[in-house]
Amino acid sequence: MIIQHYPDELDYVNAILAPAGPKAGSFLSAFCQACAAADWENYELLRPILAKLIEKYPADPERLKAERRDRESTQ
């Protein structure tokens, strides 16, 4: 599956990459960009690493709320 099939992970990646949000480090930003661009086969390889990064570098709670609100308004 791709990241769009995992709403919580998608919200995290979008929160990290959001231009209006706090700036993340270059590694985290690059990894989140890779997750957003990965196809179904490669995203599954990245998921365990993303889970660890979510624990280590939590996204701004307000940015996460905004991403969830945006996603829910388009469904």
Protein backbone atom coordinates (compact mmCIF):
# COMPACT_ATOMS: atom_id res chain seq x y z
CA MET A 1 0.00 0.00 0.00
CA ILE A 2 0.98 3.63 -0.32
CA ILE A 3 1.01 6.29 2.39
CA GLN A 4 -2.48 7.48 1.44
CA HIS A 5 -3.81 4.19 2.86
CA TYR A 6 -2.38 5.08 6.31
CA PRO A 7 -4.10 8.33 7.39
CA ASP A 8 -2.10 8.88 10.60
CA GLU A 9 1.20 8.44 8.78
CA LEU A 10 0.03 10.69 5.95
CA ASP A 11 -0.96 13.40 8.44
CA TYR A 12 2.47 13.17 10.09
CA VAL A 13 4.36 13.41 6.80
CA ASN A 14 2.21 16.34 5.64
CA ALA A 15 2.68 18.09 8.99
CA ILE A 16 6.47 17.72 8.74
CA LEU A 17 6.55 18.93 5.13
CA ALA A 18 4.02 21.76 5.52
CA PRO A 19 5.56 25.11 4.55
CA ALA A 20 3.63 26.83 7.36
CA GLY A 21 4.84 24.39 10.00
CA PRO A 22 8.03 24.39 12.04
CA LYS A 23 11.11 23.48 10.02
CA ALA A 24 12.26 19.88 10.39
CA GLY A 25 15.85 18.76 9.95
CA SER A 26 17.06 17.91 6.46
CA PHE A 27 17.15 14.15 7.10
CA LEU A 28 13.59 14.04 8.43
CA SER A 29 12.33 16.25 5.61
CA ALA A 30 14.06 14.13 2.96
CA PHE A 31 12.75 10.91 4.50
CA CYS A 32 9.20 12.27 4.62
CA GLN A 33 9.48 13.33 0.98
CA ALA A 34 10.62 9.80 0.13
CA CYS A 35 7.62 8.36 2.00
CA ALA A 36 5.25 10.67 0.15
CA ALA A 37 6.70 9.66 -3.22
CA ALA A 38 7.14 5.93 -2.60
CA ASP A 39 5.16 3.39 -4.58
CA TRP A 40 3.22 0.58 -2.90
CA GLU A 41 6.18 -1.80 -2.73
CA ASN A 42 8.74 0.67 -1.43
CA TYR A 43 6.46 2.41 1.05
CA GLU A 44 6.01 -0.85 2.93
CA LEU A 45 9.80 -0.98 3.37
CA LEU A 46 9.83 2.55 4.78
CA ARG A 47 6.94 2.15 7.24
CA PRO A 48 8.91 0.62 10.16
CA ILE A 49 11.48 3.41 9.95
CA LEU A 50 8.77 6.06 9.75
CA ALA A 51 7.17 4.62 12.89
CA LYS A 52 10.46 5.04 14.77
CA LEU A 53 10.89 8.59 13.48
CA ILE A 54 7.33 9.48 14.53
CA GLU A 55 8.22 8.38 18.07
CA LYS A 56 11.56 10.19 18.11
CA TYR A 57 10.47 13.40 16.35
CA PRO A 58 6.79 14.06 17.04
CA ALA A 59 5.10 16.58 14.78
CA ASP A 60 3.68 19.80 16.12
CA PRO A 61 0.27 18.89 17.60
CA GLU A 62 -1.42 21.95 16.08
CA ARG A 63 -0.02 21.13 12.64
CA LEU A 64 -1.27 17.53 12.99
CA LYS A 65 -4.75 18.79 13.87
CA ALA A 66 -4.73 21.02 10.80
CA GLU A 67 -3.67 18.13 8.57
CA ARG A 68 -6.40 15.88 9.97
CA ARG A 69 -8.98 18.62 9.50
CA ASP A 70 -7.86 19.15 5.90
CA ARG A 71 -7.93 15.42 5.14
CA GLU A 72 -11.34 14.91 6.71
CA SER A 73 -12.83 17.87 4.84
CA THR A 74 -11.87 16.30 1.50
CA GLN A 75 -13.38 12.90 2.23
